[in-house]
Amino acid sequence: MKVTVAKSAGFCFGVSRAVNMVYEQAKQTKEPVYTYGPIIHNEEVVRDLTDRGVQVIQDLQELNQLPKGKIIIRSHGISKKEQEAMESCGFEILDATCPFVRKIHRLVAKYSKEGYQVVIAGNASHPEVRGILGWVENMPAYTVMEPEDIQNLPLKEREKVCFVAQTTFNYNKFQELVEIISKKGYDIIVLDTICNATEERQAEAREVAGHSDVMIVIGDKHSSNTQKLYEISKMECANTYYIQTSKDLDYRQIQSVNNVGITAGASTPNYIIEEVSKNVRNEL
């Protein structure tokens, strides 16, 4: 019986940086500490930070009614308008935006100023994508996820287009979309903005799942990168389970198998991965 835990499973650099920043502020400062939105997509981490006095703000208008303190921009980043509004509130701002996300902000701002219409491969409702859209300067911007979305773009031949991706977008799907959009006759610049950690994590999930009888993917249900890992793993291993913590899995379902693979999203703490791995070994 073999249990394989993906080496890349767990916090990525950007998430680790953001979470550590909030924990440090909660420990060191006597002032109120706020995060604009959940610092990461993980209920367990957010609950623990709340227990330590960190308050999640969903709307900047809330700051008008709250004591002054420190507010932390989460790893997904925010729009330019939100950042400017935050700066005018009189709170000390700490920016935990993932550096890879911040890079996309700079790119879409630059190219939109040069007259390019921005197209983003990503989920329009995800906070990272909403933030990216908020850095486009005076030009239309669009989001796509499927080939038909590209076919429906209201763009004409020879129009200037800048094509980027949400950092956690499925790498193989992005390449598929690049091939399609590149044939549309646009004056196009393609920028692969999927972060290296995402590419590595997705490739490893595909590899581990392909050699497993059962695959377990750990992460918050709202985590975009974990959802992608589940989709990739499911294609390689039919018996793939998506869980948030160890208690979500009925371990009787994985008895009498030869190989179990485990991976986890970039917002999943190591202690949760270790607990699942330990329980799998105990049950098997």
Protein backbone atom coordinates (compact mmCIF):
# COMPACT_ATOMS: atom_id res chain seq x y z
CA MET A 1 0.00 0.00 0.00
CA LYS A 2 1.49 3.33 -1.09
CA VAL A 3 0.54 6.91 -0.14
CA THR A 4 2.07 9.69 -2.26
CA VAL A 5 1.83 13.31 -1.10
CA ALA A 6 2.64 15.86 -3.79
CA LYS A 7 5.79 17.77 -2.90
CA SER A 8 4.22 21.06 -4.00
CA ALA A 9 1.09 20.63 -1.85
CA GLY A 10 0.27 23.46 0.55
CA PHE A 11 1.04 27.15 0.90
CA CYS A 12 2.70 28.86 -2.05
CA PHE A 13 5.05 31.81 -1.59
CA GLY A 14 2.36 34.48 -2.00
CA VAL A 15 -0.06 32.86 0.41
CA SER A 16 2.62 32.14 3.00
CA ARG A 17 3.77 35.76 2.81
CA ALA A 18 0.23 37.10 3.27
CA VAL A 19 -0.72 34.78 6.12
CA ASN A 20 2.53 35.41 7.99
CA MET A 21 2.00 39.15 7.65
CA VAL A 22 -1.42 38.96 9.30
CA TYR A 23 -0.26 36.67 12.11
CA GLU A 24 2.68 38.97 12.82
CA GLN A 25 0.44 42.03 13.00
CA ALA A 26 -2.09 40.23 15.21
CA LYS A 27 0.71 39.31 17.59
CA GLN A 28 2.74 42.52 17.59
CA THR A 29 0.31 45.43 17.41
CA LYS A 30 -2.15 46.73 19.96
CA GLU A 31 -4.11 48.53 17.26
CA PRO A 32 -7.09 46.87 15.55
CA VAL A 33 -6.08 44.70 12.59
CA TYR A 34 -8.38 44.28 9.60
CA THR A 35 -8.16 42.41 6.31
CA TYR A 36 -10.04 43.56 3.22
CA GLY A 37 -11.80 40.33 2.44
CA PRO A 38 -10.56 36.97 3.76
CA ILE A 39 -6.76 37.03 3.57
CA ILE A 40 -6.86 33.71 1.67
CA HIS A 41 -9.54 31.26 0.61
CA ASN A 42 -9.34 28.95 3.60
CA GLU A 43 -12.02 28.90 6.29
CA GLU A 44 -9.77 27.26 8.88
CA VAL A 45 -7.10 29.97 8.61
CA VAL A 46 -9.62 32.81 8.57
CA ARG A 47 -11.39 31.37 11.64
CA ASP A 48 -8.10 31.12 13.53
CA LEU A 49 -7.20 34.71 12.67
CA THR A 50 -10.64 35.87 13.79
CA ASP A 51 -10.06 34.16 17.14
CA ARG A 52 -6.86 36.21 17.39
CA GLY A 53 -8.78 39.45 16.91
CA VAL A 54 -8.35 40.03 13.17
CA GLN A 55 -11.54 41.40 11.63
CA VAL A 56 -12.55 40.80 8.00
CA ILE A 57 -13.92 43.86 6.17
CA GLN A 58 -16.09 43.18 3.13
CA ASP A 59 -16.87 46.80 2.18
CA LEU A 60 -14.65 49.85 2.56
CA GLN A 61 -17.65 51.79 3.84
CA GLU A 62 -17.36 49.75 7.03
CA LEU A 63 -14.12 51.56 7.85
CA ASN A 64 -16.05 54.76 8.51
CA GLN A 65 -17.59 53.13 11.56
CA LEU A 66 -14.52 51.33 12.90
CA PRO A 67 -11.62 52.37 15.15
CA LYS A 68 -8.47 53.36 13.24
CA GLY A 69 -5.88 50.63 12.89
CA LYS A 70 -4.08 48.58 10.26
CA ILE A 71 -5.79 47.15 7.21
CA ILE A 72 -4.15 44.43 5.13
CA ILE A 73 -4.77 43.96 1.41
CA ARG A 74 -5.22 40.26 0.81
CA SER A 75 -3.13 38.10 -1.48
CA HIS A 76 -5.67 38.33 -4.34
CA GLY A 77 -5.08 42.08 -4.67
CA ILE A 78 -7.60 44.87 -5.21
CA SER A 79 -8.52 47.42 -7.88
CA LYS A 80 -6.83 50.80 -8.24
CA LYS A 81 -10.04 52.57 -7.19
CA GLU A 82 -10.32 50.44 -4.04
CA GLN A 83 -6.69 51.12 -3.17
CA GLU A 84 -7.16 54.87 -3.57
CA ALA A 85 -10.32 54.78 -1.45
CA MET A 86 -8.50 52.80 1.22
CA GLU A 87 -5.64 55.29 1.30
CA SER A 88 -8.08 58.13 2.00
CA CYS A 89 -9.58 56.43 5.08
CA GLY A 90 -6.74 57.23 7.48
CA PHE A 91 -5.81 53.60 8.18
CA GLU A 92 -2.29 52.22 7.92
CA ILE A 93 -2.22 50.00 4.84
CA LEU A 94 -0.15 46.83 4.55
CA ASP A 95 -0.09 45.26 1.10
CA ALA A 96 -0.06 41.46 1.03
CA THR A 97 -0.93 41.25 -2.67
CA CYS A 98 0.88 38.31 -4.25
CA PRO A 99 3.83 39.66 -6.27
CA PHE A 100 2.69 37.64 -9.27
CA VAL A 101 -0.72 39.30 -9.11
CA ARG A 102 0.84 42.74 -8.68
CA LYS A 103 2.85 42.09 -11.85
CA ILE A 104 -0.38 41.57 -13.81
CA HIS A 105 -1.73 44.87 -12.43
CA ARG A 106 1.32 46.66 -13.84
CA LEU A 107 1.06 44.89 -17.20
CA VAL A 108 -2.63 45.59 -17.86
CA ALA A 109 -2.17 49.21 -16.76
CA LYS A 110 0.79 49.62 -19.14
CA TYR A 111 -0.76 48.02 -22.20
CA SER A 112 -4.22 49.55 -21.75
CA LYS A 113 -2.54 52.99 -21.64
CA GLU A 114 -0.93 52.07 -24.97
CA GLY A 115 -4.35 51.36 -26.51
CA TYR A 116 -4.59 47.59 -26.03
CA GLN A 117 -7.89 45.98 -25.09
CA VAL A 118 -7.26 43.54 -22.25
CA VAL A 119 -8.57 39.97 -22.31
CA ILE A 120 -8.13 37.90 -19.15
CA ALA A 121 -8.32 34.11 -19.03
CA GLY A 122 -10.01 33.69 -15.68
CA ASN A 123 -13.15 33.66 -13.60
CA ALA A 124 -14.80 37.10 -13.74
CA SER A 125 -16.29 36.67 -10.26
CA HIS A 126 -12.97 35.77 -8.59
CA PRO A 127 -11.47 38.57 -6.44
CA GLU A 128 -8.11 38.33 -8.20
CA VAL A 129 -9.71 38.89 -11.61
CA ARG A 130 -11.92 41.70 -10.32
CA GLY A 131 -8.79 43.36 -8.98
CA ILE A 132 -6.94 42.95 -12.29
CA LEU A 133 -9.86 44.48 -14.20
CA GLY A 134 -9.62 47.46 -11.87
CA TRP A 135 -6.13 48.36 -13.17
CA VAL A 136 -7.16 48.61 -16.82
CA GLU A 137 -6.89 52.26 -17.92
CA ASN A 138 -9.68 53.75 -20.08
CA MET A 139 -10.05 50.73 -22.36
CA PRO A 140 -12.56 47.86 -22.57
CA ALA A 141 -11.56 44.63 -20.83
CA TYR A 142 -12.99 41.13 -21.12
CA THR A 143 -12.77 37.77 -19.36
CA VAL A 144 -12.82 34.35 -21.02
CA MET A 145 -12.79 30.80 -19.71
CA GLU A 146 -13.86 28.66 -22.66
CA PRO A 147 -13.23 28.68 -26.44
CA GLU A 148 -16.76 29.96 -27.08
CA ASP A 149 -16.03 32.99 -24.91
CA ILE A 150 -13.29 33.99 -27.35
CA GLN A 151 -15.65 33.54 -30.29
CA ASN A 152 -18.08 35.96 -28.61
CA LEU A 153 -15.55 38.74 -28.01
CA PRO A 154 -16.74 42.02 -29.61
CA LEU A 155 -13.35 42.64 -31.22
CA LYS A 156 -12.40 43.20 -34.84
CA GLU A 157 -9.42 42.06 -36.87
CA ARG A 158 -6.20 44.01 -36.35
CA GLU A 159 -7.41 45.45 -33.04
CA LYS A 160 -4.70 45.69 -30.39
CA VAL A 161 -5.26 42.98 -27.75
CA CYS A 162 -3.31 42.08 -24.62
CA PHE A 163 -4.07 38.53 -23.43
CA VAL A 164 -3.17 37.59 -19.84
CA ALA A 165 -4.26 34.91 -17.36
CA GLN A 166 -5.40 34.67 -13.78
CA THR A 167 -2.38 33.35 -11.85
CA THR A 168 -4.19 30.11 -10.96
CA PHE A 169 -5.71 29.40 -14.38
CA ASN A 170 -5.38 25.89 -15.79
CA TYR A 171 -2.11 25.99 -17.75
CA ASN A 172 -3.17 23.53 -20.47
CA LYS A 173 -6.48 25.31 -20.98
CA PHE A 174 -4.65 28.65 -21.27
CA GLN A 175 -2.47 27.21 -24.04
CA GLU A 176 -5.63 26.03 -25.80
CA LEU A 177 -7.16 29.52 -25.55
CA VAL A 178 -3.91 31.11 -26.76
CA GLU A 179 -3.99 28.95 -29.88
CA ILE A 180 -7.58 30.00 -30.61
CA ILE A 181 -7.24 33.71 -29.94
CA SER A 182 -3.97 33.91 -31.89
CA LYS A 183 -5.87 32.90 -35.06
CA LYS A 184 -8.41 35.72 -34.78
CA GLY A 185 -6.30 38.24 -36.65
CA TYR A 186 -5.76 40.61 -33.74
CA ASP A 187 -2.61 42.64 -33.19
CA ILE A 188 -2.05 40.54 -30.08
CA ILE A 189 0.41 40.37 -27.23
CA VAL A 190 0.18 37.14 -25.18
CA LEU A 191 1.59 37.23 -21.66
CA ASP A 192 1.69 33.96 -19.72
CA THR A 193 0.97 35.27 -16.22
CA ILE A 194 0.17 31.91 -14.62
CA CYS A 195 2.58 31.70 -11.71
CA ASN A 196 5.32 29.05 -11.75
CA ALA A 197 4.03 27.49 -8.53
CA THR A 198 0.63 26.96 -10.16
CA GLU A 199 2.14 25.29 -13.23
CA GLU A 200 4.29 23.04 -11.05
CA ARG A 201 1.39 22.13 -8.76
CA GLN A 202 -0.91 21.27 -11.67
CA ALA A 203 1.72 19.16 -13.43
CA GLU A 204 2.48 17.25 -10.24
CA ALA A 205 -1.21 16.67 -9.52
CA ARG A 206 -1.61 15.22 -13.01
CA GLU A 207 1.40 12.96 -12.47
CA VAL A 208 0.38 11.72 -9.01
CA ALA A 209 -3.27 11.19 -9.97
CA GLY A 210 -2.22 9.23 -13.05
CA HIS A 211 -0.52 6.64 -10.83
CA SER A 212 -3.17 6.50 -8.09
CA ASP A 213 -6.24 4.37 -7.48
CA VAL A 214 -7.65 7.13 -5.26
CA MET A 215 -6.73 10.82 -5.35
CA ILE A 216 -7.47 13.27 -2.52
CA VAL A 217 -7.44 17.01 -3.20
CA ILE A 218 -7.46 19.23 -0.10
CA GLY A 219 -8.55 22.85 -0.11
CA ASP A 220 -11.27 25.38 0.48
CA LYS A 221 -14.34 25.12 -1.76
CA HIS A 222 -13.85 28.76 -2.81
CA SER A 223 -10.20 28.26 -3.77
CA SER A 224 -9.74 28.68 -7.52
CA ASN A 225 -6.39 26.89 -7.65
CA THR A 226 -7.74 23.94 -5.64
CA GLN A 227 -10.72 23.63 -7.98
CA LYS A 228 -8.28 23.41 -10.90
CA LEU A 229 -6.29 20.69 -9.11
CA TYR A 230 -9.49 18.72 -8.58
CA GLU A 231 -10.48 19.04 -12.26
CA ILE A 232 -7.03 17.93 -13.41
CA SER A 233 -6.89 15.03 -10.93
CA LYS A 234 -10.40 13.87 -11.82
CA MET A 235 -9.41 13.56 -15.47
CA GLU A 236 -6.54 11.23 -14.51
CA CYS A 237 -8.20 9.36 -11.63
CA ALA A 238 -11.95 8.74 -11.53
CA ASN A 239 -11.89 8.18 -7.74
CA THR A 240 -10.87 11.74 -6.84
CA TYR A 241 -12.21 13.37 -3.66
CA TYR A 242 -12.29 17.12 -2.91
CA ILE A 243 -12.17 17.83 0.83
CA GLN A 244 -11.46 20.82 3.09
CA THR A 245 -10.32 18.93 6.19
CA SER A 246 -9.79 15.36 7.29
CA LYS A 247 -13.31 15.09 8.72
CA ASP A 248 -14.82 15.56 5.24
CA LEU A 249 -13.56 12.20 3.97
CA ASP A 250 -15.14 8.83 4.67
CA TYR A 251 -11.95 6.77 4.89
CA ARG A 252 -13.89 3.56 4.36
CA GLN A 253 -14.25 4.64 0.72
CA ILE A 254 -10.54 4.24 0.12
CA GLN A 255 -9.94 0.88 1.75
CA SER A 256 -8.57 -2.01 -0.31
CA VAL A 257 -6.70 0.14 -2.84
CA ASN A 258 -3.03 -0.05 -3.77
CA ASN A 259 -2.12 3.61 -4.31
CA VAL A 260 -3.47 6.82 -2.77
CA GLY A 261 -2.35 10.25 -3.99
CA ILE A 262 -2.74 13.48 -2.05
CA THR A 263 -2.35 17.08 -3.14
CA ALA A 264 -3.56 20.40 -1.78
CA GLY A 265 -4.26 23.93 -2.91
CA ALA A 266 -2.00 26.90 -2.30
CA SER A 267 -4.18 28.06 0.62
CA THR A 268 -4.10 24.78 2.55
CA PRO A 269 -2.03 24.76 5.78
CA ASN A 270 0.50 21.95 6.21
CA TYR A 271 -1.13 20.69 9.40
CA ILE A 272 -4.31 19.81 7.48
CA ILE A 273 -2.32 17.96 4.81
CA GLU A 274 -0.39 16.07 7.50
CA GLU A 275 -3.58 15.13 9.32
CA VAL A 276 -5.18 13.73 6.16
CA SER A 277 -2.01 11.84 5.26
CA LYS A 278 -1.76 10.37 8.75
CA ASN A 279 -5.39 9.27 8.79
CA VAL A 280 -5.10 7.69 5.35
CA ARG A 281 -2.10 5.63 6.48
CA ASN A 282 -3.88 4.61 9.69
CA GLU A 283 -6.98 3.49 7.80
CA LEU A 284 -5.04 1.59 5.19
